[in-house]
Amino acid sequence: MARNAVSARAGRVALADAAKAFDWRAYIIYIGFVALFVIFAITLHDEGFLNSNNLLNIVRQTATISVMAVAMTYVIGAAQIDLSIGAVAGLSSVTTAMAIAEWGIGAGVLAGLLTGLLVGSVNGALVAGLAIPSFLVTLGMLGIARGTAQWITDTAPQPILDQNYNNVFGSGDLFGEIPSLVIWTVALVVVGHIVLRKTSYGRRVLATGGNTVAARFSGVDTRLITFLVLAGMGLFAGLAGMLYAGRLQSGRFQWGEGDELSVIAAVILGGTSLFGGRATVIGSLFGALMIGLINNGLILMGLDFSQQQIVRGTIIVLAVALARRK
């Protein structure tokens, strides 16, 4: 009996220690996502919230945010920021549409990717090479990219008539009935997660963001890492612009407008530290989905745009306030 009592007491102590060690703040994005989903599922059941088409629409509408959030996870993980991504996406959608109209789908894909990579490389070179704060560089690039997109199109939309492009990059279904945007999102999130967690590049990104001086003394080329994360961000923003163009079947400078705030919010909500050194791609995906979930639920509730902004902002602030701090 005494031995059983001791064993039971030891088990209770171990359970109590495990409960104390569990940091619920680290999982706030997943807890919040499930809680919001359940609330909307109950309150909006009659509005068709749980309809499969509605749930797929949430994923479609957040696909471009999710794609850019993958790369932004690396940028913020390296203690940098990029405010130009929405404008770069719009510019990329325009160059893609114009190149497809002139030379075909292959040229369009190349033009869209090179547009993003070029802008991202310029951002990276200025930040890493001249030590200009990324906030200032990318804020200026936001205006340059948006102005360029307006200038080369004279603010007119550029239609994309190639249905093969539209199907692959946004508005079609692949492998049966899976939306192409879902496939793009899943593929890029998986690759982004593996690279961040399983490769030396990912470790160097986090080392650079965690302590630049210590990383430099340990042999990490922090300037190269800074350049690469910003160049990669430009490339992903370019791809997001191509997905916008495919889903909406046109290139316009307005595509992506304001996305930089949604992407940054998704990444921070997901658990990436705004000060660098800690990052999670999976968390960023759930952050993007949570923003899409909120938007969709508030629309189905019938709230007007101003009310949606108030509720959405309140939820995001609460989630960040409850999240684990470094």
C-alpha atoms as a PDB file:
ATOM      1  CA  MET A   1       0.000   0.000   0.000  1.00  0.00           C
ATOM      2  CA  ALA A   2       2.751   2.427   0.963  1.00  0.00           C
ATOM      3  CA  ARG A   3       4.588   1.696  -2.265  1.00  0.00           C
ATOM      4  CA  ASN A   4       1.430   2.352  -4.315  1.00  0.00           C
ATOM      5  CA  ALA A   5       0.842   5.599  -2.459  1.00  0.00           C
ATOM      6  CA  VAL A   6       4.388   6.758  -3.171  1.00  0.00           C
ATOM      7  CA  SER A   7       4.016   5.850  -6.847  1.00  0.00           C
ATOM      8  CA  ALA A   8       0.711   7.714  -7.089  1.00  0.00           C
ATOM      9  CA  ARG A   9       2.197  10.760  -5.386  1.00  0.00           C
ATOM     10  CA  ALA A  10       5.206  10.686  -7.744  1.00  0.00           C
ATOM     11  CA  GLY A  11       2.859  10.475 -10.710  1.00  0.00           C
ATOM     12  CA  ARG A  12       0.894  13.492  -9.520  1.00  0.00           C
ATOM     13  CA  VAL A  13       4.102  15.452  -9.004  1.00  0.00           C
ATOM     14  CA  ALA A  14       5.320  14.549 -12.501  1.00  0.00           C
ATOM     15  CA  LEU A  15       1.970  15.571 -13.980  1.00  0.00           C
ATOM     16  CA  ALA A  16       2.050  18.875 -12.118  1.00  0.00           C
ATOM     17  CA  ASP A  17       5.595  19.560 -13.325  1.00  0.00           C
ATOM     18  CA  ALA A  18       4.576  18.800 -16.921  1.00  0.00           C
ATOM     19  CA  ALA A  19       1.617  21.170 -16.610  1.00  0.00           C
ATOM     20  CA  LYS A  20       3.904  23.920 -15.329  1.00  0.00           C
ATOM     21  CA  ALA A  21       6.383  23.302 -18.126  1.00  0.00           C
ATOM     22  CA  PHE A  22       3.689  23.537 -20.816  1.00  0.00           C
ATOM     23  CA  ASP A  23       3.845  27.026 -22.289  1.00  0.00           C
ATOM     24  CA  TRP A  24       0.373  27.622 -23.715  1.00  0.00           C
ATOM     25  CA  ARG A  25       1.465  30.985 -25.075  1.00  0.00           C
ATOM     26  CA  ALA A  26       3.643  29.198 -27.613  1.00  0.00           C
ATOM     27  CA  TYR A  27       0.503  27.637 -29.092  1.00  0.00           C
ATOM     28  CA  ILE A  28      -1.811  30.655 -28.914  1.00  0.00           C
ATOM     29  CA  ILE A  29      -2.189  30.855 -32.696  1.00  0.00           C
ATOM     30  CA  TYR A  30      -3.444  27.264 -32.893  1.00  0.00           C
ATOM     31  CA  ILE A  31      -5.679  27.681 -29.835  1.00  0.00           C
ATOM     32  CA  GLY A  32      -7.055  30.940 -31.210  1.00  0.00           C
ATOM     33  CA  PHE A  33      -7.610  29.456 -34.666  1.00  0.00           C
ATOM     34  CA  VAL A  34      -9.586  26.502 -33.289  1.00  0.00           C
ATOM     35  CA  ALA A  35     -11.567  28.743 -30.922  1.00  0.00           C
ATOM     36  CA  LEU A  36     -12.523  31.170 -33.700  1.00  0.00           C
ATOM     37  CA  PHE A  37     -13.388  28.321 -36.049  1.00  0.00           C
ATOM     38  CA  VAL A  38     -15.712  26.762 -33.462  1.00  0.00           C
ATOM     39  CA  ILE A  39     -17.351  30.119 -32.681  1.00  0.00           C
ATOM     40  CA  PHE A  40     -17.975  30.892 -36.349  1.00  0.00           C
ATOM     41  CA  ALA A  41     -19.121  27.336 -37.040  1.00  0.00           C
ATOM     42  CA  ILE A  42     -21.762  27.611 -34.325  1.00  0.00           C
ATOM     43  CA  THR A  43     -22.924  31.188 -34.889  1.00  0.00           C
ATOM     44  CA  LEU A  44     -22.780  31.124 -38.701  1.00  0.00           C
ATOM     45  CA  HIS A  45     -23.978  27.584 -39.329  1.00  0.00           C
ATOM     46  CA  ASP A  46     -27.103  28.839 -41.107  1.00  0.00           C
ATOM     47  CA  GLU A  47     -24.990  31.248 -43.198  1.00  0.00           C
ATOM     48  CA  GLY A  48     -23.053  28.408 -44.823  1.00  0.00           C
ATOM     49  CA  PHE A  49     -19.770  28.914 -42.983  1.00  0.00           C
ATOM     50  CA  LEU A  50     -19.043  25.171 -42.915  1.00  0.00           C
ATOM     51  CA  ASN A  51     -19.885  24.750 -46.584  1.00  0.00           C
ATOM     52  CA  SER A  52     -16.918  23.167 -48.351  1.00  0.00           C
ATOM     53  CA  ASN A  53     -16.932  25.882 -51.009  1.00  0.00           C
ATOM     54  CA  ASN A  54     -16.758  28.586 -48.343  1.00  0.00           C
ATOM     55  CA  LEU A  55     -13.865  26.878 -46.567  1.00  0.00           C
ATOM     56  CA  LEU A  56     -12.004  26.505 -49.850  1.00  0.00           C
ATOM     57  CA  ASN A  57     -12.653  30.174 -50.576  1.00  0.00           C
ATOM     58  CA  ILE A  58     -10.937  31.082 -47.302  1.00  0.00           C
ATOM     59  CA  VAL A  59      -7.840  29.181 -48.422  1.00  0.00           C
ATOM     60  CA  ARG A  60      -7.987  30.697 -51.927  1.00  0.00           C
ATOM     61  CA  GLN A  61      -8.365  34.228 -50.632  1.00  0.00           C
ATOM     62  CA  THR A  62      -5.461  33.851 -48.211  1.00  0.00           C
ATOM     63  CA  ALA A  63      -3.163  31.979 -50.612  1.00  0.00           C
ATOM     64  CA  THR A  64      -1.160  35.013 -51.683  1.00  0.00           C
ATOM     65  CA  ILE A  65      -0.833  36.164 -48.061  1.00  0.00           C
ATOM     66  CA  SER A  66       0.316  32.659 -47.067  1.00  0.00           C
ATOM     67  CA  VAL A  67       2.887  32.524 -49.877  1.00  0.00           C
ATOM     68  CA  MET A  68       4.381  35.886 -48.924  1.00  0.00           C
ATOM     69  CA  ALA A  69       4.220  34.969 -45.231  1.00  0.00           C
ATOM     70  CA  VAL A  70       6.586  32.045 -45.885  1.00  0.00           C
ATOM     71  CA  ALA A  71       9.317  34.388 -47.101  1.00  0.00           C
ATOM     72  CA  MET A  72       8.471  37.097 -44.560  1.00  0.00           C
ATOM     73  CA  THR A  73       9.096  34.538 -41.824  1.00  0.00           C
ATOM     74  CA  TYR A  74      12.732  34.418 -42.939  1.00  0.00           C
ATOM     75  CA  VAL A  75      12.945  38.209 -43.222  1.00  0.00           C
ATOM     76  CA  ILE A  76      11.587  38.874 -39.740  1.00  0.00           C
ATOM     77  CA  GLY A  77      13.477  35.878 -38.354  1.00  0.00           C
ATOM     78  CA  ALA A  78      16.644  37.618 -39.540  1.00  0.00           C
ATOM     79  CA  ALA A  79      15.519  40.823 -37.745  1.00  0.00           C
ATOM     80  CA  GLN A  80      14.599  42.681 -40.955  1.00  0.00           C
ATOM     81  CA  ILE A  81      11.324  43.933 -42.443  1.00  0.00           C
ATOM     82  CA  ASP A  82       9.942  44.411 -45.956  1.00  0.00           C
ATOM     83  CA  LEU A  83       7.158  46.923 -46.549  1.00  0.00           C
ATOM     84  CA  SER A  84       7.323  46.789 -50.353  1.00  0.00           C
ATOM     85  CA  ILE A  85       5.868  43.331 -50.937  1.00  0.00           C
ATOM     86  CA  GLY A  86       2.302  44.416 -51.801  1.00  0.00           C
ATOM     87  CA  ALA A  87       3.533  46.875 -54.412  1.00  0.00           C
ATOM     88  CA  VAL A  88       5.997  44.309 -55.780  1.00  0.00           C
ATOM     89  CA  ALA A  89       3.155  41.805 -56.159  1.00  0.00           C
ATOM     90  CA  GLY A  90       1.163  44.376 -58.125  1.00  0.00           C
ATOM     91  CA  LEU A  91       4.141  45.207 -60.345  1.00  0.00           C
ATOM     92  CA  SER A  92       4.842  41.522 -60.950  1.00  0.00           C
ATOM     93  CA  SER A  93       1.213  40.889 -61.932  1.00  0.00           C
ATOM     94  CA  VAL A  94       1.509  43.684 -64.498  1.00  0.00           C
ATOM     95  CA  THR A  95       4.813  42.546 -66.034  1.00  0.00           C
ATOM     96  CA  THR A  96       3.524  38.977 -66.163  1.00  0.00           C
ATOM     97  CA  ALA A  97       0.340  39.992 -67.999  1.00  0.00           C
ATOM     98  CA  MET A  98       2.180  42.231 -70.446  1.00  0.00           C
ATOM     99  CA  ALA A  99       4.808  39.575 -71.233  1.00  0.00           C
ATOM    100  CA  ILE A 100       2.144  36.895 -71.786  1.00  0.00           C
ATOM    101  CA  ALA A 101       0.307  39.189 -74.208  1.00  0.00           C
ATOM    102  CA  GLU A 102       3.494  39.792 -76.200  1.00  0.00           C
ATOM    103  CA  TRP A 103       5.505  36.549 -76.023  1.00  0.00           C
ATOM    104  CA  GLY A 104       3.451  33.841 -74.345  1.00  0.00           C
ATOM    105  CA  ILE A 105       3.188  32.016 -71.051  1.00  0.00           C
ATOM    106  CA  GLY A 106       6.872  31.128 -70.645  1.00  0.00           C
ATOM    107  CA  ALA A 107       7.959  34.745 -70.990  1.00  0.00           C
ATOM    108  CA  GLY A 108       5.214  35.790 -68.600  1.00  0.00           C
ATOM    109  CA  VAL A 109       6.361  33.412 -65.868  1.00  0.00           C
ATOM    110  CA  LEU A 110       9.964  34.514 -66.319  1.00  0.00           C
ATOM    111  CA  ALA A 111       9.010  38.199 -66.274  1.00  0.00           C
ATOM    112  CA  GLY A 112       6.986  37.857 -63.075  1.00  0.00           C
ATOM    113  CA  LEU A 113       9.703  35.990 -61.190  1.00  0.00           C
ATOM    114  CA  LEU A 114      12.514  38.248 -62.410  1.00  0.00           C
ATOM    115  CA  THR A 115      10.547  41.350 -61.455  1.00  0.00           C
ATOM    116  CA  GLY A 116      10.236  40.185 -57.873  1.00  0.00           C
ATOM    117  CA  LEU A 117      13.813  38.931 -57.710  1.00  0.00           C
ATOM    118  CA  LEU A 118      15.196  42.183 -59.117  1.00  0.00           C
ATOM    119  CA  VAL A 119      13.345  44.363 -56.632  1.00  0.00           C
ATOM    120  CA  GLY A 120      14.220  42.047 -53.747  1.00  0.00           C
ATOM    121  CA  SER A 121      17.886  42.024 -54.776  1.00  0.00           C
ATOM    122  CA  VAL A 122      17.982  45.822 -54.860  1.00  0.00           C
ATOM    123  CA  ASN A 123      16.433  45.910 -51.385  1.00  0.00           C
ATOM    124  CA  GLY A 124      18.941  43.356 -50.139  1.00  0.00           C
ATOM    125  CA  ALA A 125      21.930  45.121 -51.681  1.00  0.00           C
ATOM    126  CA  LEU A 126      20.991  48.470 -50.144  1.00  0.00           C
ATOM    127  CA  VAL A 127      20.348  47.001 -46.699  1.00  0.00           C
ATOM    128  CA  ALA A 128      23.285  44.591 -46.585  1.00  0.00           C
ATOM    129  CA  GLY A 129      25.793  46.615 -48.589  1.00  0.00           C
ATOM    130  CA  LEU A 130      25.085  50.164 -47.435  1.00  0.00           C
ATOM    131  CA  ALA A 131      23.653  49.338 -43.995  1.00  0.00           C
ATOM    132  CA  ILE A 132      20.481  51.342 -44.643  1.00  0.00           C
ATOM    133  CA  PRO A 133      17.638  50.185 -42.366  1.00  0.00           C
ATOM    134  CA  SER A 134      15.338  47.799 -44.192  1.00  0.00           C
ATOM    135  CA  PHE A 135      12.297  49.750 -43.002  1.00  0.00           C
ATOM    136  CA  LEU A 136      13.433  52.834 -44.913  1.00  0.00           C
ATOM    137  CA  VAL A 137      14.663  50.987 -48.010  1.00  0.00           C
ATOM    138  CA  THR A 138      11.501  48.968 -48.490  1.00  0.00           C
ATOM    139  CA  LEU A 139       9.238  51.905 -47.654  1.00  0.00           C
ATOM    140  CA  GLY A 140      10.866  53.818 -50.508  1.00  0.00           C
ATOM    141  CA  MET A 141      10.706  50.763 -52.766  1.00  0.00           C
ATOM    142  CA  LEU A 142       6.967  50.508 -52.100  1.00  0.00           C
ATOM    143  CA  GLY A 143       6.447  53.844 -53.830  1.00  0.00           C
ATOM    144  CA  ILE A 144       8.876  53.041 -56.650  1.00  0.00           C
ATOM    145  CA  ALA A 145       7.246  49.688 -57.448  1.00  0.00           C
ATOM    146  CA  ARG A 146       3.695  51.010 -57.317  1.00  0.00           C
ATOM    147  CA  GLY A 147       4.557  54.078 -59.376  1.00  0.00           C
ATOM    148  CA  THR A 148       6.332  51.946 -61.980  1.00  0.00           C
ATOM    149  CA  ALA A 149       3.323  49.635 -62.299  1.00  0.00           C
ATOM    150  CA  GLN A 150       1.026  52.612 -62.843  1.00  0.00           C
ATOM    151  CA  TRP A 151       3.404  54.248 -65.307  1.00  0.00           C
ATOM    152  CA  ILE A 152       3.989  51.284 -67.619  1.00  0.00           C
ATOM    153  CA  THR A 153       0.263  50.484 -67.812  1.00  0.00           C
ATOM    154  CA  ASP A 154      -1.114  54.015 -67.673  1.00  0.00           C
ATOM    155  CA  THR A 155      -3.195  52.634 -64.721  1.00  0.00           C
ATOM    156  CA  ALA A 156      -5.137  50.369 -67.101  1.00  0.00           C
ATOM    157  CA  PRO A 157      -5.715  46.668 -66.260  1.00  0.00           C
ATOM    158  CA  GLN A 158      -3.779  44.147 -68.349  1.00  0.00           C
ATOM    159  CA  PRO A 159      -6.004  41.153 -69.197  1.00  0.00           C
ATOM    160  CA  ILE A 160      -4.621  37.619 -69.342  1.00  0.00           C
ATOM    161  CA  LEU A 161      -6.388  35.552 -71.991  1.00  0.00           C
ATOM    162  CA  ASP A 162      -4.171  32.459 -71.730  1.00  0.00           C
ATOM    163  CA  GLN A 163      -6.376  30.012 -69.817  1.00  0.00           C
ATOM    164  CA  ASN A 164      -3.500  27.589 -69.287  1.00  0.00           C
ATOM    165  CA  TYR A 165      -1.714  30.243 -67.258  1.00  0.00           C
ATOM    166  CA  ASN A 166      -4.867  31.170 -65.370  1.00  0.00           C
ATOM    167  CA  ASN A 167      -5.600  27.554 -64.498  1.00  0.00           C
ATOM    168  CA  VAL A 168      -2.106  26.785 -63.219  1.00  0.00           C
ATOM    169  CA  PHE A 169      -1.556  30.057 -61.371  1.00  0.00           C
ATOM    170  CA  GLY A 170      -4.825  30.690 -59.656  1.00  0.00           C
ATOM    171  CA  SER A 171      -8.271  30.070 -61.068  1.00  0.00           C
ATOM    172  CA  GLY A 172      -8.107  26.388 -62.016  1.00  0.00           C
ATOM    173  CA  ASP A 173      -8.098  22.999 -60.317  1.00  0.00           C
ATOM    174  CA  LEU A 174      -5.224  20.548 -60.587  1.00  0.00           C
ATOM    175  CA  PHE A 175      -5.057  16.797 -59.977  1.00  0.00           C
ATOM    176  CA  GLY A 176      -8.811  16.468 -60.074  1.00  0.00           C
ATOM    177  CA  GLU A 177     -10.591  18.959 -57.874  1.00  0.00           C
ATOM    178  CA  ILE A 178      -7.795  20.542 -55.819  1.00  0.00           C
ATOM    179  CA  PRO A 179      -7.565  24.309 -56.406  1.00  0.00           C
ATOM    180  CA  SER A 180      -4.188  25.259 -57.825  1.00  0.00           C
ATOM    181  CA  LEU A 181      -3.822  27.976 -55.178  1.00  0.00           C
ATOM    182  CA  VAL A 182      -4.060  25.332 -52.448  1.00  0.00           C
ATOM    183  CA  ILE A 183      -1.318  23.285 -54.112  1.00  0.00           C
ATOM    184  CA  TRP A 184       0.959  26.310 -54.424  1.00  0.00           C
ATOM    185  CA  THR A 185       0.386  27.224 -50.777  1.00  0.00           C
ATOM    186  CA  VAL A 186       0.992  23.734 -49.394  1.00  0.00           C
ATOM    187  CA  ALA A 187       4.091  23.134 -51.531  1.00  0.00           C
ATOM    188  CA  LEU A 188       5.756  26.424 -50.586  1.00  0.00           C
ATOM    189  CA  VAL A 189       4.912  26.085 -46.892  1.00  0.00           C
ATOM    190  CA  VAL A 190       6.382  22.574 -46.772  1.00  0.00           C
ATOM    191  CA  VAL A 191       9.575  23.664 -48.541  1.00  0.00           C
ATOM    192  CA  GLY A 192       9.861  26.795 -46.389  1.00  0.00           C
ATOM    193  CA  HIS A 193       9.401  24.796 -43.180  1.00  0.00           C
ATOM    194  CA  ILE A 194      11.979  22.175 -44.119  1.00  0.00           C
ATOM    195  CA  VAL A 195      14.588  24.728 -45.171  1.00  0.00           C
ATOM    196  CA  LEU A 196      14.134  26.763 -41.982  1.00  0.00           C
ATOM    197  CA  ARG A 197      14.218  23.785 -39.621  1.00  0.00           C
ATOM    198  CA  LYS A 198      16.497  21.267 -41.313  1.00  0.00           C
ATOM    199  CA  THR A 199      19.199  23.188 -43.177  1.00  0.00           C
ATOM    200  CA  SER A 200      22.242  25.228 -42.237  1.00  0.00           C
ATOM    201  CA  TYR A 201      20.780  28.182 -44.127  1.00  0.00           C
ATOM    202  CA  GLY A 202      17.760  28.228 -41.825  1.00  0.00           C
ATOM    203  CA  ARG A 203      19.972  28.055 -38.750  1.00  0.00           C
ATOM    204  CA  ARG A 204      22.107  30.916 -40.060  1.00  0.00           C
ATOM    205  CA  VAL A 205      19.011  33.034 -40.679  1.00  0.00           C
ATOM    206  CA  LEU A 206      17.883  32.583 -37.071  1.00  0.00           C
ATOM    207  CA  ALA A 207      21.418  33.116 -35.754  1.00  0.00           C
ATOM    208  CA  THR A 208      21.636  36.386 -37.682  1.00  0.00           C
ATOM    209  CA  GLY A 209      18.340  37.581 -36.243  1.00  0.00           C
ATOM    210  CA  GLY A 210      19.057  36.367 -32.727  1.00  0.00           C
ATOM    211  CA  ASN A 211      22.450  38.029 -32.284  1.00  0.00           C
ATOM    212  CA  THR A 212      24.176  39.493 -35.321  1.00  0.00           C
ATOM    213  CA  VAL A 213      27.506  40.072 -33.589  1.00  0.00           C
ATOM    214  CA  ALA A 214      27.677  36.573 -32.133  1.00  0.00           C
ATOM    215  CA  ALA A 215      26.631  35.070 -35.484  1.00  0.00           C
ATOM    216  CA  ARG A 216      29.365  37.010 -37.265  1.00  0.00           C
ATOM    217  CA  PHE A 217      32.011  35.834 -34.801  1.00  0.00           C
ATOM    218  CA  SER A 218      30.832  32.245 -35.249  1.00  0.00           C
ATOM    219  CA  GLY A 219      31.476  32.447 -38.988  1.00  0.00           C
ATOM    220  CA  VAL A 220      28.071  33.410 -40.364  1.00  0.00           C
ATOM    221  CA  ASP A 221      28.173  35.897 -43.232  1.00  0.00           C
ATOM    222  CA  THR A 222      25.355  38.034 -41.827  1.00  0.00           C
ATOM    223  CA  ARG A 223      25.402  40.498 -44.717  1.00  0.00           C
ATOM    224  CA  LEU A 224      24.934  37.673 -47.212  1.00  0.00           C
ATOM    225  CA  ILE A 225      22.068  36.261 -45.132  1.00  0.00           C
ATOM    226  CA  THR A 226      20.417  39.690 -45.043  1.00  0.00           C
ATOM    227  CA  PHE A 227      20.741  39.994 -48.806  1.00  0.00           C
ATOM    228  CA  LEU A 228      19.363  36.497 -49.405  1.00  0.00           C
ATOM    229  CA  VAL A 229      16.289  36.827 -47.186  1.00  0.00           C
ATOM    230  CA  LEU A 230      15.293  40.121 -48.830  1.00  0.00           C
ATOM    231  CA  ALA A 231      15.987  38.820 -52.343  1.00  0.00           C
ATOM    232  CA  GLY A 232      13.935  35.729 -51.514  1.00  0.00           C
ATOM    233  CA  MET A 233      11.142  37.936 -50.200  1.00  0.00           C
ATOM    234  CA  GLY A 234      11.075  39.786 -53.507  1.00  0.00           C
ATOM    235  CA  LEU A 235      10.931  36.498 -55.413  1.00  0.00           C
ATOM    236  CA  PHE A 236       7.986  35.259 -53.345  1.00  0.00           C
ATOM    237  CA  ALA A 237       6.223  38.619 -53.694  1.00  0.00           C
ATOM    238  CA  GLY A 238       6.677  38.283 -57.450  1.00  0.00           C
ATOM    239  CA  LEU A 239       5.161  34.804 -57.326  1.00  0.00           C
ATOM    240  CA  ALA A 240       2.264  36.135 -55.250  1.00  0.00           C
ATOM    241  CA  GLY A 241       1.669  38.752 -57.952  1.00  0.00           C
ATOM    242  CA  MET A 242       1.583  35.986 -60.550  1.00  0.00           C
ATOM    243  CA  LEU A 243      -1.000  34.133 -58.443  1.00  0.00           C
ATOM    244  CA  TYR A 244      -3.066  37.310 -58.203  1.00  0.00           C
ATOM    245  CA  ALA A 245      -2.877  37.647 -61.986  1.00  0.00           C
ATOM    246  CA  GLY A 246      -3.920  34.030 -62.512  1.00  0.00           C
ATOM    247  CA  ARG A 247      -6.798  34.118 -60.037  1.00  0.00           C
ATOM    248  CA  LEU A 248      -8.151  37.460 -61.245  1.00  0.00           C
ATOM    249  CA  GLN A 249      -7.095  36.872 -64.879  1.00  0.00           C
ATOM    250  CA  SER A 250      -5.424  40.247 -65.192  1.00  0.00           C
ATOM    251  CA  GLY A 251      -2.495  42.303 -64.007  1.00  0.00           C
ATOM    252  CA  ARG A 252      -3.210  45.513 -62.100  1.00  0.00           C
ATOM    253  CA  PHE A 253      -1.084  47.777 -59.962  1.00  0.00           C
ATOM    254  CA  GLN A 254      -3.745  47.567 -57.219  1.00  0.00           C
ATOM    255  CA  TRP A 255      -3.226  43.845 -56.657  1.00  0.00           C
ATOM    256  CA  GLY A 256      -1.465  43.343 -53.348  1.00  0.00           C
ATOM    257  CA  GLU A 257      -2.205  46.819 -52.066  1.00  0.00           C
ATOM    258  CA  GLY A 258      -2.040  46.737 -48.260  1.00  0.00           C
ATOM    259  CA  ASP A 259      -0.893  43.099 -48.171  1.00  0.00           C
ATOM    260  CA  GLU A 260       2.320  44.019 -46.360  1.00  0.00           C
ATOM    261  CA  LEU A 261       0.374  44.688 -43.166  1.00  0.00           C
ATOM    262  CA  SER A 262      -1.605  41.445 -43.409  1.00  0.00           C
ATOM    263  CA  VAL A 263       1.548  39.414 -44.090  1.00  0.00           C
ATOM    264  CA  ILE A 264       3.481  40.939 -41.196  1.00  0.00           C
ATOM    265  CA  ALA A 265       0.484  40.423 -38.893  1.00  0.00           C
ATOM    266  CA  ALA A 266       0.203  36.768 -39.991  1.00  0.00           C
ATOM    267  CA  VAL A 267       3.889  36.122 -39.298  1.00  0.00           C
ATOM    268  CA  ILE A 268       3.846  37.782 -35.865  1.00  0.00           C
ATOM    269  CA  LEU A 269       0.573  36.067 -34.962  1.00  0.00           C
ATOM    270  CA  GLY A 270       2.157  32.768 -35.950  1.00  0.00           C
ATOM    271  CA  GLY A 271       4.883  33.088 -33.325  1.00  0.00           C
ATOM    272  CA  THR A 272       7.823  34.637 -35.168  1.00  0.00           C
ATOM    273  CA  SER A 273       9.595  37.183 -32.980  1.00  0.00           C
ATOM    274  CA  LEU A 274       9.490  40.724 -34.348  1.00  0.00           C
ATOM    275  CA  PHE A 275      13.015  41.117 -32.977  1.00  0.00           C
ATOM    276  CA  GLY A 276      14.396  38.111 -34.869  1.00  0.00           C
ATOM    277  CA  GLY A 277      15.934  34.849 -33.766  1.00  0.00           C
ATOM    278  CA  ARG A 278      12.726  32.823 -33.511  1.00  0.00           C
ATOM    279  CA  ALA A 279      10.525  31.903 -36.479  1.00  0.00           C
ATOM    280  CA  THR A 280       8.006  29.314 -37.588  1.00  0.00           C
ATOM    281  CA  VAL A 281       6.653  28.859 -41.115  1.00  0.00           C
ATOM    282  CA  ILE A 282       3.780  26.619 -39.988  1.00  0.00           C
ATOM    283  CA  GLY A 283       2.749  29.253 -37.469  1.00  0.00           C
ATOM    284  CA  SER A 284       2.820  31.906 -40.211  1.00  0.00           C
ATOM    285  CA  LEU A 285       0.498  29.766 -42.323  1.00  0.00           C
ATOM    286  CA  PHE A 286      -1.982  29.523 -39.466  1.00  0.00           C
ATOM    287  CA  GLY A 287      -1.623  33.250 -38.891  1.00  0.00           C
ATOM    288  CA  ALA A 288      -2.602  33.888 -42.514  1.00  0.00           C
ATOM    289  CA  LEU A 289      -5.488  31.418 -42.297  1.00  0.00           C
ATOM    290  CA  MET A 290      -6.651  33.020 -39.060  1.00  0.00           C
ATOM    291  CA  ILE A 291      -6.799  36.437 -40.736  1.00  0.00           C
ATOM    292  CA  GLY A 292      -8.737  34.898 -43.633  1.00  0.00           C
ATOM    293  CA  LEU A 293     -11.049  33.148 -41.170  1.00  0.00           C
ATOM    294  CA  ILE A 294     -11.743  36.425 -39.374  1.00  0.00           C
ATOM    295  CA  ASN A 295     -12.417  38.280 -42.633  1.00  0.00           C
ATOM    296  CA  ASN A 296     -14.761  35.580 -43.892  1.00  0.00           C
ATOM    297  CA  GLY A 297     -16.660  35.271 -40.614  1.00  0.00           C
ATOM    298  CA  LEU A 298     -17.159  39.012 -40.233  1.00  0.00           C
ATOM    299  CA  ILE A 299     -18.468  39.295 -43.797  1.00  0.00           C
ATOM    300  CA  LEU A 300     -20.956  36.473 -43.200  1.00  0.00           C
ATOM    301  CA  MET A 301     -22.056  38.247 -40.007  1.00  0.00           C
ATOM    302  CA  GLY A 302     -23.062  41.204 -42.169  1.00  0.00           C
ATOM    303  CA  LEU A 303     -20.748  43.734 -40.539  1.00  0.00           C
ATOM    304  CA  ASP A 304     -19.826  46.752 -42.636  1.00  0.00           C
ATOM    305  CA  PHE A 305     -16.203  47.463 -43.535  1.00  0.00           C
ATOM    306  CA  SER A 306     -15.524  49.873 -40.662  1.00  0.00           C
ATOM    307  CA  GLN A 307     -16.896  47.396 -38.113  1.00  0.00           C
ATOM    308  CA  GLN A 308     -14.827  44.597 -39.650  1.00  0.00           C
ATOM    309  CA  GLN A 309     -11.681  46.678 -39.232  1.00  0.00           C
ATOM    310  CA  ILE A 310     -12.427  47.315 -35.553  1.00  0.00           C
ATOM    311  CA  VAL A 311     -13.138  43.661 -34.716  1.00  0.00           C
ATOM    312  CA  ARG A 312     -10.254  42.335 -36.816  1.00  0.00           C
ATOM    313  CA  GLY A 313      -7.793  44.761 -35.248  1.00  0.00           C
ATOM    314  CA  THR A 314      -8.996  43.937 -31.732  1.00  0.00           C
ATOM    315  CA  ILE A 315      -8.605  40.188 -32.275  1.00  0.00           C
ATOM    316  CA  ILE A 316      -5.097  40.583 -33.721  1.00  0.00           C
ATOM    317  CA  VAL A 317      -3.963  42.851 -30.867  1.00  0.00           C
ATOM    318  CA  LEU A 318      -5.326  40.408 -28.265  1.00  0.00           C
ATOM    319  CA  ALA A 319      -3.673  37.443 -29.964  1.00  0.00           C
ATOM    320  CA  VAL A 320      -0.286  39.176 -30.121  1.00  0.00           C
ATOM    321  CA  ALA A 321      -0.618  40.344 -26.502  1.00  0.00           C
ATOM    322  CA  LEU A 322      -1.285  36.777 -25.354  1.00  0.00           C
ATOM    323  CA  ALA A 323       1.459  35.256 -27.493  1.00  0.00           C
ATOM    324  CA  ARG A 324       4.725  34.009 -26.025  1.00  0.00           C
ATOM    325  CA  ARG A 325       7.346  36.670 -25.647  1.00  0.00           C
ATOM    326  CA  LYS A 326      11.041  36.176 -26.158  1.00  0.00           C
END
